[in-house]
Amino acid sequence: REEQQQFLEVFRRLSVATYASRFDNYNGERFQHVSSREVSPGRMV
C-alpha cells in the first residue's frame, strides 16, 4: 500500500510537470469541441 501511494504521488507530479512543460508558449492555438457521448454507464468520450 505504501508503494502504491508513493507511485501515485510521483506519477501525479510527472503528469502536472508534463503539462507545464508542453503548454508554455502561445501562437494562436485553439481547442474545438466535436462531440460528447456516454459510451456506457459511467463512461464518457
All heavy atoms as atom14 arrays in JSON, in Angstrom:
{
  "sequence": "REEQQQFLEVFRRLSVATYASRFDNYNGERFQHVSSREVSPGRMV",
  "atom14_mask": [
    [1, 1, 1, 1, 1, 1, 1, 1, 1, 1, 1, 0, 0, 0],
    [1, 1, 1, 1, 1, 1, 1, 1, 1, 0, 0, 0, 0, 0],
    [1, 1, 1, 1, 1, 1, 1, 1, 1, 0, 0, 0, 0, 0],
    [1, 1, 1, 1, 1, 1, 1, 1, 1, 0, 0, 0, 0, 0],
    [1, 1, 1, 1, 1, 1, 1, 1, 1, 0, 0, 0, 0, 0],
    [1, 1, 1, 1, 1, 1, 1, 1, 1, 0, 0, 0, 0, 0],
    [1, 1, 1, 1, 1, 1, 1, 1, 1, 1, 1, 0, 0, 0],
    [1, 1, 1, 1, 1, 1, 1, 1, 0, 0, 0, 0, 0, 0],
    [1, 1, 1, 1, 1, 1, 1, 1, 1, 0, 0, 0, 0, 0],
    [1, 1, 1, 1, 1, 1, 1, 0, 0, 0, 0, 0, 0, 0],
    [1, 1, 1, 1, 1, 1, 1, 1, 1, 1, 1, 0, 0, 0],
    [1, 1, 1, 1, 1, 1, 1, 1, 1, 1, 1, 0, 0, 0],
    [1, 1, 1, 1, 1, 1, 1, 1, 1, 1, 1, 0, 0, 0],
    [1, 1, 1, 1, 1, 1, 1, 1, 0, 0, 0, 0, 0, 0],
    [1, 1, 1, 1, 1, 1, 0, 0, 0, 0, 0, 0, 0, 0],
    [1, 1, 1, 1, 1, 1, 1, 0, 0, 0, 0, 0, 0, 0],
    [1, 1, 1, 1, 1, 0, 0, 0, 0, 0, 0, 0, 0, 0],
    [1, 1, 1, 1, 1, 1, 1, 0, 0, 0, 0, 0, 0, 0],
    [1, 1, 1, 1, 1, 1, 1, 1, 1, 1, 1, 1, 0, 0],
    [1, 1, 1, 1, 1, 0, 0, 0, 0, 0, 0, 0, 0, 0],
    [1, 1, 1, 1, 1, 1, 0, 0, 0, 0, 0, 0, 0, 0],
    [1, 1, 1, 1, 1, 1, 1, 1, 1, 1, 1, 0, 0, 0],
    [1, 1, 1, 1, 1, 1, 1, 1, 1, 1, 1, 0, 0, 0],
    [1, 1, 1, 1, 1, 1, 1, 1, 0, 0, 0, 0, 0, 0],
    [1, 1, 1, 1, 1, 1, 1, 1, 0, 0, 0, 0, 0, 0],
    [1, 1, 1, 1, 1, 1, 1, 1, 1, 1, 1, 1, 0, 0],
    [1, 1, 1, 1, 1, 1, 1, 1, 0, 0, 0, 0, 0, 0],
    [1, 1, 1, 1, 0, 0, 0, 0, 0, 0, 0, 0, 0, 0],
    [1, 1, 1, 1, 1, 1, 1, 1, 1, 0, 0, 0, 0, 0],
    [1, 1, 1, 1, 1, 1, 1, 1, 1, 1, 1, 0, 0, 0],
    [1, 1, 1, 1, 1, 1, 1, 1, 1, 1, 1, 0, 0, 0],
    [1, 1, 1, 1, 1, 1, 1, 1, 1, 0, 0, 0, 0, 0],
    [1, 1, 1, 1, 1, 1, 1, 1, 1, 1, 0, 0, 0, 0],
    [1, 1, 1, 1, 1, 1, 1, 0, 0, 0, 0, 0, 0, 0],
    [1, 1, 1, 1, 1, 1, 0, 0, 0, 0, 0, 0, 0, 0],
    [1, 1, 1, 1, 1, 1, 0, 0, 0, 0, 0, 0, 0, 0],
    [1, 1, 1, 1, 1, 1, 1, 1, 1, 1, 1, 0, 0, 0],
    [1, 1, 1, 1, 1, 1, 1, 1, 1, 0, 0, 0, 0, 0],
    [1, 1, 1, 1, 1, 1, 1, 0, 0, 0, 0, 0, 0, 0],
    [1, 1, 1, 1, 1, 1, 0, 0, 0, 0, 0, 0, 0, 0],
    [1, 1, 1, 1, 1, 1, 1, 0, 0, 0, 0, 0, 0, 0],
    [1, 1, 1, 1, 0, 0, 0, 0, 0, 0, 0, 0, 0, 0],
    [1, 1, 1, 1, 1, 1, 1, 1, 1, 1, 1, 0, 0, 0],
    [1, 1, 1, 1, 1, 1, 1, 1, 0, 0, 0, 0, 0, 0],
    [1, 1, 1, 1, 1, 1, 1, 0, 0, 0, 0, 0, 0, 0]
  ],
  "atom14_positions": [
    [[0.82, -1.21, 0.0], [0.0, 0.0, 0.0], [0.86, 1.26, 0.0], [0.56, 2.24, -0.69], [-0.93, -0.01, 1.22], [-1.89, 1.18, 1.26], [-2.79, 1.1, 2.48], [-3.59, -0.12, 2.47], [-4.77, -0.2, 1.85], [-5.25, 0.84, 1.18], [-5.46, -1.33, 1.89], [0.0, 0.0, 0.0], [0.0, 0.0, 0.0], [0.0, 0.0, 0.0]],
    [[1.94, 1.26, 0.76], [2.83, 2.42, 0.82], [3.48, 2.66, -0.53], [3.64, 3.82, -0.97], [3.9, 2.21, 1.87], [4.85, 3.4, 2.03], [5.88, 3.18, 3.11], [5.75, 2.21, 3.88], [6.83, 3.99, 3.19], [0.0, 0.0, 0.0], [0.0, 0.0, 0.0], [0.0, 0.0, 0.0], [0.0, 0.0, 0.0], [0.0, 0.0, 0.0]],
    [[3.86, 1.59, -1.23], [4.45, 1.73, -2.55], [3.43, 2.27, -3.55], [3.78, 3.1, -4.41], [4.99, 0.38, -3.02], [6.2, -0.11, -2.25], [6.63, -1.5, -2.66], [5.74, -2.31, -3.05], [7.83, -1.8, -2.59], [0.0, 0.0, 0.0], [0.0, 0.0, 0.0], [0.0, 0.0, 0.0], [0.0, 0.0, 0.0], [0.0, 0.0, 0.0]],
    [[2.2, 1.8, -3.46], [1.15, 2.31, -4.34], [0.97, 3.81, -4.15], [0.82, 4.56, -5.12], [-0.16, 1.58, -4.05], [-0.16, 0.11, -4.42], [-1.45, -0.58, -4.02], [-2.38, 0.04, -3.52], [-1.51, -1.89, -4.24], [0.0, 0.0, 0.0], [0.0, 0.0, 0.0], [0.0, 0.0, 0.0], [0.0, 0.0, 0.0], [0.0, 0.0, 0.0]],
    [[0.98, 4.26, -2.89], [0.82, 5.68, -2.6], [2.02, 6.48, -3.1], [1.86, 7.58, -3.64], [0.62, 5.9, -1.1], [0.22, 7.31, -0.73], [-1.1, 7.74, -1.36], [-2.01, 6.92, -1.53], [-1.2, 9.01, -1.72], [0.0, 0.0, 0.0], [0.0, 0.0, 0.0], [0.0, 0.0, 0.0], [0.0, 0.0, 0.0], [0.0, 0.0, 0.0]],
    [[3.22, 5.93, -2.93], [4.42, 6.59, -3.43], [4.33, 6.78, -4.94], [4.62, 7.87, -5.46], [5.67, 5.76, -3.1], [6.17, 5.87, -1.68], [7.43, 5.05, -1.49], [7.4, 3.81, -1.51], [8.54, 5.73, -1.31], [0.0, 0.0, 0.0], [0.0, 0.0, 0.0], [0.0, 0.0, 0.0], [0.0, 0.0, 0.0], [0.0, 0.0, 0.0]],
    [[3.95, 5.72, -5.63], [3.85, 5.8, -7.09], [2.8, 6.83, -7.5], [3.04, 7.63, -8.41], [3.49, 4.44, -7.68], [3.28, 4.5, -9.17], [4.36, 4.48, -10.04], [2.0, 4.6, -9.69], [4.16, 4.56, -11.42], [1.8, 4.68, -11.06], [2.88, 4.66, -11.93], [0.0, 0.0, 0.0], [0.0, 0.0, 0.0], [0.0, 0.0, 0.0]],
    [[1.65, 6.81, -6.84], [0.58, 7.74, -7.18], [1.05, 9.18, -7.07], [0.81, 9.99, -7.98], [-0.62, 7.52, -6.25], [-1.77, 8.52, -6.36], [-2.35, 8.53, -7.75], [-2.85, 8.19, -5.32], [0.0, 0.0, 0.0], [0.0, 0.0, 0.0], [0.0, 0.0, 0.0], [0.0, 0.0, 0.0], [0.0, 0.0, 0.0], [0.0, 0.0, 0.0]],
    [[1.75, 9.51, -5.99], [2.19, 10.89, -5.79], [3.23, 11.3, -6.83], [3.18, 12.41, -7.37], [2.76, 11.06, -4.39], [1.72, 10.92, -3.29], [0.55, 11.88, -3.47], [0.79, 13.04, -3.83], [-0.6, 11.45, -3.28], [0.0, 0.0, 0.0], [0.0, 0.0, 0.0], [0.0, 0.0, 0.0], [0.0, 0.0, 0.0], [0.0, 0.0, 0.0]],
    [[4.18, 10.42, -7.13], [5.21, 10.76, -8.11], [4.62, 10.84, -9.51], [4.95, 11.73, -10.29], [6.37, 9.74, -8.06], [7.41, 10.06, -9.14], [7.03, 9.75, -6.69], [0.0, 0.0, 0.0], [0.0, 0.0, 0.0], [0.0, 0.0, 0.0], [0.0, 0.0, 0.0], [0.0, 0.0, 0.0], [0.0, 0.0, 0.0], [0.0, 0.0, 0.0]],
    [[3.72, 9.9, -9.83], [3.09, 9.92, -11.15], [2.23, 11.17, -11.32], [2.19, 11.76, -12.41], [2.22, 8.67, -11.35], [1.61, 8.59, -12.71], [2.34, 8.16, -13.79], [0.29, 8.96, -12.91], [1.78, 8.09, -15.07], [-0.29, 8.9, -14.17], [0.46, 8.46, -15.25], [0.0, 0.0, 0.0], [0.0, 0.0, 0.0], [0.0, 0.0, 0.0]],
    [[1.56, 11.6, -10.26], [0.77, 12.83, -10.31], [1.68, 14.03, -10.61], [1.35, 14.87, -11.44], [0.05, 13.02, -8.97], [-1.05, 14.08, -9.01], [-1.43, 14.5, -7.59], [-1.63, 13.38, -6.7], [-2.81, 12.81, -6.44], [-3.9, 13.25, -7.04], [-2.89, 11.8, -5.58], [0.0, 0.0, 0.0], [0.0, 0.0, 0.0], [0.0, 0.0, 0.0]],
    [[2.82, 14.07, -9.95], [3.77, 15.17, -10.18], [4.28, 15.15, -11.61], [4.41, 16.21, -12.26], [4.93, 15.06, -9.2], [4.61, 15.43, -7.76], [5.82, 15.21, -6.88], [7.0, 15.87, -7.45], [8.25, 15.5, -7.2], [8.49, 14.44, -6.44], [9.26, 16.16, -7.72], [0.0, 0.0, 0.0], [0.0, 0.0, 0.0], [0.0, 0.0, 0.0]],
    [[4.57, 13.95, -12.13], [5.06, 13.85, -13.5], [3.99, 14.32, -14.5], [4.31, 14.99, -15.48], [5.44, 12.39, -13.81], [5.84, 12.08, -15.26], [7.05, 12.9, -15.67], [6.13, 10.59, -15.42], [0.0, 0.0, 0.0], [0.0, 0.0, 0.0], [0.0, 0.0, 0.0], [0.0, 0.0, 0.0], [0.0, 0.0, 0.0], [0.0, 0.0, 0.0]],
    [[2.75, 14.0, -14.24], [1.67, 14.4, -15.14], [1.53, 15.91, -15.19], [1.41, 16.51, -16.27], [0.36, 13.75, -14.69], [0.44, 12.34, -14.73], [0.0, 0.0, 0.0], [0.0, 0.0, 0.0], [0.0, 0.0, 0.0], [0.0, 0.0, 0.0], [0.0, 0.0, 0.0], [0.0, 0.0, 0.0], [0.0, 0.0, 0.0], [0.0, 0.0, 0.0]],
    [[1.56, 16.55, -14.03], [1.47, 18.01, -13.99], [2.7, 18.63, -14.65], [2.59, 19.6, -15.43], [1.33, 18.51, -12.53], [1.31, 20.04, -12.5], [0.07, 17.94, -11.88], [0.0, 0.0, 0.0], [0.0, 0.0, 0.0], [0.0, 0.0, 0.0], [0.0, 0.0, 0.0], [0.0, 0.0, 0.0], [0.0, 0.0, 0.0], [0.0, 0.0, 0.0]],
    [[3.87, 18.07, -14.39], [5.11, 18.58, -14.98], [5.07, 18.48, -16.5], [5.56, 19.37, -17.21], [6.31, 17.82, -14.43], [0.0, 0.0, 0.0], [0.0, 0.0, 0.0], [0.0, 0.0, 0.0], [0.0, 0.0, 0.0], [0.0, 0.0, 0.0], [0.0, 0.0, 0.0], [0.0, 0.0, 0.0], [0.0, 0.0, 0.0], [0.0, 0.0, 0.0]],
    [[4.49, 17.4, -17.01], [4.4, 17.21, -18.47], [3.52, 18.29, -19.09], [3.87, 18.89, -20.12], [3.83, 15.82, -18.79], [4.69, 14.82, -18.22], [3.74, 15.61, -20.29], [0.0, 0.0, 0.0], [0.0, 0.0, 0.0], [0.0, 0.0, 0.0], [0.0, 0.0, 0.0], [0.0, 0.0, 0.0], [0.0, 0.0, 0.0], [0.0, 0.0, 0.0]],
    [[2.37, 18.56, -18.49], [1.51, 19.64, -18.98], [2.22, 20.98, -18.91], [2.18, 21.78, -19.86], [0.22, 19.7, -18.16], [-0.88, 18.77, -18.61], [-1.28, 17.68, -17.82], [-1.56, 18.98, -19.81], [-2.3, 16.83, -18.23], [-2.58, 18.14, -20.23], [-2.95, 17.07, -19.43], [-3.96, 16.23, -19.83], [0.0, 0.0, 0.0], [0.0, 0.0, 0.0]],
    [[2.88, 21.26, -17.78], [3.55, 22.56, -17.59], [4.67, 22.75, -18.59], [4.94, 23.87, -19.04], [4.09, 22.65, -16.16], [0.0, 0.0, 0.0], [0.0, 0.0, 0.0], [0.0, 0.0, 0.0], [0.0, 0.0, 0.0], [0.0, 0.0, 0.0], [0.0, 0.0, 0.0], [0.0, 0.0, 0.0], [0.0, 0.0, 0.0], [0.0, 0.0, 0.0]],
    [[5.34, 21.67, -18.96], [6.44, 21.76, -19.91], [5.95, 21.91, -21.35], [6.54, 22.66, -22.13], [7.31, 20.51, -19.78], [8.33, 20.5, -20.75], [0.0, 0.0, 0.0], [0.0, 0.0, 0.0], [0.0, 0.0, 0.0], [0.0, 0.0, 0.0], [0.0, 0.0, 0.0], [0.0, 0.0, 0.0], [0.0, 0.0, 0.0], [0.0, 0.0, 0.0]],
    [[4.88, 21.23, -21.68], [4.41, 21.24, -23.07], [3.66, 22.53, -23.43], [3.78, 23.04, -24.54], [3.5, 20.04, -23.31], [4.22, 18.7, -23.38], [3.25, 17.57, -23.57], [3.93, 16.28, -23.76], [3.31, 15.12, -23.82], [1.99, 15.07, -23.72], [3.98, 14.01, -23.99], [0.0, 0.0, 0.0], [0.0, 0.0, 0.0], [0.0, 0.0, 0.0]],
    [[2.87, 23.02, -22.52], [1.99, 24.16, -22.84], [2.59, 25.44, -22.25], [2.06, 26.02, -21.31], [0.58, 23.9, -22.29], [-0.1, 22.74, -22.96], [0.06, 21.45, -22.49], [-0.89, 22.93, -24.09], [-0.56, 20.37, -23.11], [-1.51, 21.86, -24.72], [-1.34, 20.59, -24.24], [0.0, 0.0, 0.0], [0.0, 0.0, 0.0], [0.0, 0.0, 0.0]],
    [[3.68, 25.89, -22.87], [4.44, 27.01, -22.31], [4.55, 28.22, -23.22], [5.21, 29.18, -22.9], [5.84, 26.54, -21.9], [6.67, 26.08, -23.11], [6.11, 25.98, -24.23], [7.87, 25.83, -22.93], [0.0, 0.0, 0.0], [0.0, 0.0, 0.0], [0.0, 0.0, 0.0], [0.0, 0.0, 0.0], [0.0, 0.0, 0.0], [0.0, 0.0, 0.0]],
    [[3.92, 28.17, -24.38], [4.02, 29.31, -25.3], [2.82, 29.3, -26.23], [2.34, 28.23, -26.62], [5.32, 29.23, -26.11], [5.65, 30.54, -26.79], [5.33, 31.61, -26.28], [6.28, 30.47, -27.95], [0.0, 0.0, 0.0], [0.0, 0.0, 0.0], [0.0, 0.0, 0.0], [0.0, 0.0, 0.0], [0.0, 0.0, 0.0], [0.0, 0.0, 0.0]],
    [[2.33, 30.47, -26.59], [1.1, 30.58, -27.37], [1.36, 31.2, -28.73], [2.01, 32.24, -28.84], [0.08, 31.44, -26.61], [-1.26, 31.57, -27.3], [-2.13, 30.5, -27.35], [-1.64, 32.76, -27.89], [-3.37, 30.6, -27.97], [-2.88, 32.9, -28.51], [-3.74, 31.81, -28.55], [-4.95, 31.92, -29.16], [0.0, 0.0, 0.0], [0.0, 0.0, 0.0]],
    [[0.85, 30.54, -29.78], [0.96, 31.06, -31.14], [-0.36, 30.92, -31.89], [-0.39, 30.58, -33.07], [2.06, 30.3, -31.9], [3.46, 30.72, -31.48], [3.82, 31.89, -31.57], [4.24, 29.76, -30.99], [0.0, 0.0, 0.0], [0.0, 0.0, 0.0], [0.0, 0.0, 0.0], [0.0, 0.0, 0.0], [0.0, 0.0, 0.0], [0.0, 0.0, 0.0]],
    [[-1.45, 31.17, -31.17], [-2.75, 31.13, -31.81], [-3.43, 29.78, -31.78], [-4.46, 29.59, -32.46], [0.0, 0.0, 0.0], [0.0, 0.0, 0.0], [0.0, 0.0, 0.0], [0.0, 0.0, 0.0], [0.0, 0.0, 0.0], [0.0, 0.0, 0.0], [0.0, 0.0, 0.0], [0.0, 0.0, 0.0], [0.0, 0.0, 0.0], [0.0, 0.0, 0.0]],
    [[-2.9, 28.82, -31.02], [-3.54, 27.51, -30.93], [-4.94, 27.63, -30.31], [-5.19, 28.53, -29.49], [-2.7, 26.54, -30.08], [-1.35, 26.2, -30.68], [-0.26, 27.18, -30.34], [-0.58, 28.24, -29.75], [0.9, 26.91, -30.64], [0.0, 0.0, 0.0], [0.0, 0.0, 0.0], [0.0, 0.0, 0.0], [0.0, 0.0, 0.0], [0.0, 0.0, 0.0]],
    [[-5.82, 26.71, -30.65], [-7.16, 26.73, -30.06], [-7.72, 25.31, -30.03], [-7.36, 24.45, -30.85], [-8.1, 27.64, -30.85], [-8.4, 27.19, -32.26], [-9.23, 28.23, -33.01], [-9.68, 27.76, -34.32], [-8.94, 27.77, -35.41], [-7.7, 28.25, -35.36], [-9.42, 27.31, -36.55], [0.0, 0.0, 0.0], [0.0, 0.0, 0.0], [0.0, 0.0, 0.0]],
    [[-8.61, 25.07, -29.07], [-9.29, 23.79, -28.94], [-10.72, 23.93, -29.45], [-11.36, 24.95, -29.21], [-9.32, 23.33, -27.48], [-7.98, 22.98, -26.91], [-7.27, 23.89, -26.14], [-7.42, 21.72, -27.13], [-6.03, 23.56, -25.61], [-6.2, 21.38, -26.59], [-5.5, 22.3, -25.83], [0.0, 0.0, 0.0], [0.0, 0.0, 0.0], [0.0, 0.0, 0.0]],
    [[-11.21, 22.89, -30.12], [-12.58, 22.87, -30.6], [-13.27, 21.61, -30.12], [-12.72, 20.51, -30.24], [-12.62, 22.93, -32.14], [-12.07, 24.21, -32.73], [-12.09, 24.18, -34.26], [-12.32, 23.14, -34.88], [-11.86, 25.33, -34.86], [0.0, 0.0, 0.0], [0.0, 0.0, 0.0], [0.0, 0.0, 0.0], [0.0, 0.0, 0.0], [0.0, 0.0, 0.0]],
    [[-14.47, 21.76, -29.57], [-15.24, 20.61, -29.15], [-15.96, 20.02, -30.36], [-16.53, 20.73, -31.17], [-16.26, 21.02, -28.08], [-17.2, 19.92, -27.7], [-18.5, 19.85, -28.17], [-17.03, 18.82, -26.91], [-19.08, 18.78, -27.68], [-18.23, 18.14, -26.92], [0.0, 0.0, 0.0], [0.0, 0.0, 0.0], [0.0, 0.0, 0.0], [0.0, 0.0, 0.0]],
    [[-15.92, 18.67, -30.47], [-16.56, 17.99, -31.59], [-17.81, 17.25, -31.13], [-18.9, 17.43, -31.7], [-15.58, 17.0, -32.28], [-16.29, 16.23, -33.41], [-14.37, 17.74, -32.82], [0.0, 0.0, 0.0], [0.0, 0.0, 0.0], [0.0, 0.0, 0.0], [0.0, 0.0, 0.0], [0.0, 0.0, 0.0], [0.0, 0.0, 0.0], [0.0, 0.0, 0.0]],
    [[-17.68, 16.41, -30.11], [-18.83, 15.64, -29.64], [-18.57, 15.11, -28.25], [-17.43, 15.02, -27.8], [-19.12, 14.46, -30.59], [-18.03, 13.55, -30.6], [0.0, 0.0, 0.0], [0.0, 0.0, 0.0], [0.0, 0.0, 0.0], [0.0, 0.0, 0.0], [0.0, 0.0, 0.0], [0.0, 0.0, 0.0], [0.0, 0.0, 0.0], [0.0, 0.0, 0.0]],
    [[-19.66, 14.74, -27.55], [-19.58, 14.12, -26.23], [-20.62, 13.0, -26.2], [-21.8, 13.25, -26.47], [-19.86, 15.13, -25.12], [-18.9, 16.15, -25.11], [0.0, 0.0, 0.0], [0.0, 0.0, 0.0], [0.0, 0.0, 0.0], [0.0, 0.0, 0.0], [0.0, 0.0, 0.0], [0.0, 0.0, 0.0], [0.0, 0.0, 0.0], [0.0, 0.0, 0.0]],
    [[-20.18, 11.79, -25.86], [-21.1, 10.66, -25.83], [-20.82, 9.77, -24.64], [-19.66, 9.46, -24.35], [-20.98, 9.82, -27.1], [-21.31, 10.58, -28.38], [-21.41, 9.64, -29.55], [-21.71, 10.36, -30.79], [-22.05, 9.76, -31.91], [-22.14, 8.43, -31.96], [-22.32, 10.46, -32.99], [0.0, 0.0, 0.0], [0.0, 0.0, 0.0], [0.0, 0.0, 0.0]],
    [[-21.89, 9.34, -23.98], [-21.76, 8.37, -22.9], [-21.74, 6.99, -23.54], [-22.75, 6.51, -24.06], [-22.9, 8.49, -21.9], [-22.69, 7.65, -20.66], [-23.62, 8.02, -19.52], [-24.54, 8.82, -19.75], [-23.4, 7.51, -18.4], [0.0, 0.0, 0.0], [0.0, 0.0, 0.0], [0.0, 0.0, 0.0], [0.0, 0.0, 0.0], [0.0, 0.0, 0.0]],
    [[-20.57, 6.34, -23.53], [-20.4, 5.08, -24.25], [-20.89, 3.89, -23.44], [-21.15, 2.82, -24.01], [-18.93, 4.88, -24.66], [-18.5, 5.97, -25.61], [-18.02, 4.84, -23.43], [0.0, 0.0, 0.0], [0.0, 0.0, 0.0], [0.0, 0.0, 0.0], [0.0, 0.0, 0.0], [0.0, 0.0, 0.0], [0.0, 0.0, 0.0], [0.0, 0.0, 0.0]],
    [[-21.01, 4.04, -22.14], [-21.58, 3.03, -21.26], [-21.85, 3.73, -19.93], [-21.36, 4.84, -19.71], [-20.61, 1.85, -21.07], [-19.42, 2.27, -20.45], [0.0, 0.0, 0.0], [0.0, 0.0, 0.0], [0.0, 0.0, 0.0], [0.0, 0.0, 0.0], [0.0, 0.0, 0.0], [0.0, 0.0, 0.0], [0.0, 0.0, 0.0], [0.0, 0.0, 0.0]],
    [[-22.64, 3.14, -19.05], [-22.93, 3.8, -17.78], [-21.66, 4.19, -17.04], [-20.81, 3.34, -16.75], [-23.73, 2.75, -17.01], [-24.39, 1.94, -18.07], [-23.39, 1.86, -19.18], [0.0, 0.0, 0.0], [0.0, 0.0, 0.0], [0.0, 0.0, 0.0], [0.0, 0.0, 0.0], [0.0, 0.0, 0.0], [0.0, 0.0, 0.0], [0.0, 0.0, 0.0]],
    [[-21.51, 5.47, -16.78], [-20.35, 5.95, -16.05], [-19.11, 6.17, -16.88], [-18.04, 6.48, -16.34], [0.0, 0.0, 0.0], [0.0, 0.0, 0.0], [0.0, 0.0, 0.0], [0.0, 0.0, 0.0], [0.0, 0.0, 0.0], [0.0, 0.0, 0.0], [0.0, 0.0, 0.0], [0.0, 0.0, 0.0], [0.0, 0.0, 0.0], [0.0, 0.0, 0.0]],
    [[-19.22, 6.03, -18.21], [-18.08, 6.24, -19.09], [-18.46, 7.19, -20.23], [-19.48, 6.99, -20.87], [-17.57, 4.92, -19.69], [-16.91, 4.0, -18.67], [-16.54, 2.68, -19.3], [-15.87, 1.81, -18.35], [-14.55, 1.72, -18.2], [-13.76, 2.44, -18.97], [-14.02, 0.92, -17.29], [0.0, 0.0, 0.0], [0.0, 0.0, 0.0], [0.0, 0.0, 0.0]],
    [[-17.62, 8.17, -20.46], [-17.91, 9.19, -21.46], [-16.68, 9.42, -22.34], [-15.54, 9.37, -21.86], [-18.28, 10.51, -20.77], [-18.81, 11.57, -21.69], [-20.58, 11.37, -22.03], [-21.26, 11.63, -20.38], [0.0, 0.0, 0.0], [0.0, 0.0, 0.0], [0.0, 0.0, 0.0], [0.0, 0.0, 0.0], [0.0, 0.0, 0.0], [0.0, 0.0, 0.0]],
    [[-16.92, 9.66, -23.63], [-15.85, 10.07, -24.54], [-16.17, 11.47, -25.05], [-17.23, 11.71, -25.61], [-15.7, 9.1, -25.73], [-14.71, 9.68, -26.75], [-15.22, 7.74, -25.26], [0.0, 0.0, 0.0], [0.0, 0.0, 0.0], [0.0, 0.0, 0.0], [0.0, 0.0, 0.0], [0.0, 0.0, 0.0], [0.0, 0.0, 0.0], [0.0, 0.0, 0.0]]
  ]
}
